[in-house]
Amino acid sequence: MTYSLLNTIFLGLAVWFAVIATVVSSKRGIKVTKPLLWTLGITLAIMLLTTAIFDNVIIGVGLVAYDPSTLMGAFIGLAPLEDFDYTIAAVIILPALWTLLGTRKKR
């Protein structure tokens, strides 16, 4: 199994989870707003930048190695492009989880 196929499945599940969180939160009266989307966009940019830096460091010092036959062949520095999918999924899943497990009204 290639990293691209694994990431496609993982990102698909992340998007599915976010859709569920959006539907549930809209029923609770929580709306997706422009400030929220800007916050997620800025968070994604920062996370992708730090992923690029730290992935290159850990690959460069030899902590992690990849089988080239399982990679697409596109890299940012030493980091394969597939590594960045996990960061994107985290930025999708964590706010959705926060929304679903957020505060509940006291009865």
Protein backbone atom coordinates (compact mmCIF):
# COMPACT_ATOMS: atom_id res chain seq x y z
CA MET A 1 0.00 0.00 0.00
CA THR A 2 1.35 3.40 -0.92
CA TYR A 3 1.35 6.42 1.38
CA SER A 4 -0.86 8.25 -1.13
CA LEU A 5 -3.58 5.61 -0.91
CA LEU A 6 -3.39 5.51 2.87
CA ASN A 7 -3.56 9.30 3.04
CA THR A 8 -6.53 9.42 0.69
CA ILE A 9 -8.45 7.10 3.00
CA PHE A 10 -7.34 9.05 6.07
CA LEU A 11 -8.21 12.46 4.59
CA GLY A 12 -11.55 11.13 3.36
CA LEU A 13 -12.40 10.03 6.88
CA ALA A 14 -11.28 13.41 8.24
CA VAL A 15 -13.56 15.26 5.84
CA TRP A 16 -16.45 12.89 6.62
CA PHE A 17 -15.90 13.53 10.35
CA ALA A 18 -15.84 17.31 9.77
CA VAL A 19 -19.11 17.14 7.82
CA ILE A 20 -20.74 15.28 10.71
CA ALA A 21 -19.41 17.87 13.17
CA THR A 22 -20.72 20.70 10.98
CA VAL A 23 -24.19 19.15 10.80
CA VAL A 24 -24.30 18.49 14.54
CA SER A 25 -23.02 21.95 15.41
CA SER A 26 -25.53 23.64 13.10
CA LYS A 27 -28.30 21.83 14.95
CA ARG A 28 -26.85 23.28 18.16
CA GLY A 29 -26.93 26.76 16.67
CA ILE A 30 -23.19 27.03 15.96
CA LYS A 31 -22.49 28.49 12.53
CA VAL A 32 -19.38 28.29 10.37
CA THR A 33 -18.26 31.91 10.03
CA LYS A 34 -15.58 33.75 8.07
CA PRO A 35 -13.48 34.37 11.22
CA LEU A 36 -13.55 30.64 11.94
CA LEU A 37 -12.43 29.82 8.41
CA TRP A 38 -9.66 32.43 8.61
CA THR A 39 -8.51 30.94 11.91
CA LEU A 40 -8.41 27.46 10.39
CA GLY A 41 -6.53 28.78 7.35
CA ILE A 42 -3.91 30.53 9.48
CA THR A 43 -3.59 27.45 11.66
CA LEU A 44 -3.12 25.29 8.58
CA ALA A 45 -0.42 27.59 7.20
CA ILE A 46 1.50 27.60 10.48
CA MET A 47 1.18 23.83 10.87
CA LEU A 48 2.34 23.17 7.30
CA LEU A 49 5.35 25.44 7.83
CA THR A 50 6.35 23.72 11.06
CA THR A 51 5.77 20.32 9.46
CA ALA A 52 8.10 21.29 6.62
CA ILE A 53 10.80 22.39 9.05
CA PHE A 54 10.63 19.52 11.50
CA ASP A 55 10.07 16.75 8.94
CA ASN A 56 13.17 17.89 7.08
CA VAL A 57 15.15 17.87 10.32
CA ILE A 58 14.06 14.38 11.42
CA ILE A 59 14.59 12.96 7.94
CA GLY A 60 17.93 14.76 7.59
CA VAL A 61 19.33 13.35 10.83
CA GLY A 62 18.14 9.86 9.94
CA LEU A 63 15.36 9.31 12.47
CA VAL A 64 12.89 8.47 9.70
CA ALA A 65 13.38 6.82 6.33
CA TYR A 66 10.88 5.98 3.60
CA ASP A 67 10.71 3.20 1.04
CA PRO A 68 10.95 5.14 -2.25
CA SER A 69 8.63 2.67 -3.99
CA THR A 70 5.73 3.80 -1.76
CA LEU A 71 6.16 7.52 -2.42
CA MET A 72 4.78 9.75 -5.20
CA GLY A 73 8.20 11.27 -5.71
CA ALA A 74 7.31 14.90 -4.88
CA PHE A 75 9.28 16.43 -2.03
CA ILE A 76 9.52 19.65 -0.06
CA GLY A 77 13.15 19.56 0.88
CA LEU A 78 13.70 16.03 2.14
CA ALA A 79 10.09 15.55 3.25
CA PRO A 80 7.79 13.64 0.92
CA LEU A 81 4.59 15.44 0.03
CA GLU A 82 2.58 12.65 1.65
CA ASP A 83 3.80 13.75 5.11
CA PHE A 84 1.79 16.94 4.86
CA ASP A 85 -1.53 15.10 4.55
CA TYR A 86 -1.40 14.17 8.24
CA THR A 87 -1.09 17.84 9.15
CA ILE A 88 -4.07 18.73 6.96
CA ALA A 89 -6.10 15.94 8.54
CA ALA A 90 -5.22 17.15 12.05
CA VAL A 91 -6.36 20.69 11.24
CA ILE A 92 -9.65 19.21 9.99
CA ILE A 93 -10.25 16.63 12.73
CA LEU A 94 -9.26 18.49 15.90
CA PRO A 95 -11.70 21.43 15.56
CA ALA A 96 -14.43 18.98 14.56
CA LEU A 97 -13.72 16.89 17.64
CA TRP A 98 -13.64 20.01 19.80
CA THR A 99 -17.03 21.01 18.42
CA LEU A 100 -18.56 17.58 19.00
CA LEU A 101 -17.16 17.19 22.52
CA GLY A 102 -17.61 20.84 23.49
CA THR A 103 -19.56 22.20 26.38
CA ARG A 104 -23.00 20.83 26.95
CA LYS A 105 -25.88 22.72 28.44
CA LYS A 106 -26.61 21.85 32.04
CA ARG A 107 -29.97 20.26 32.59
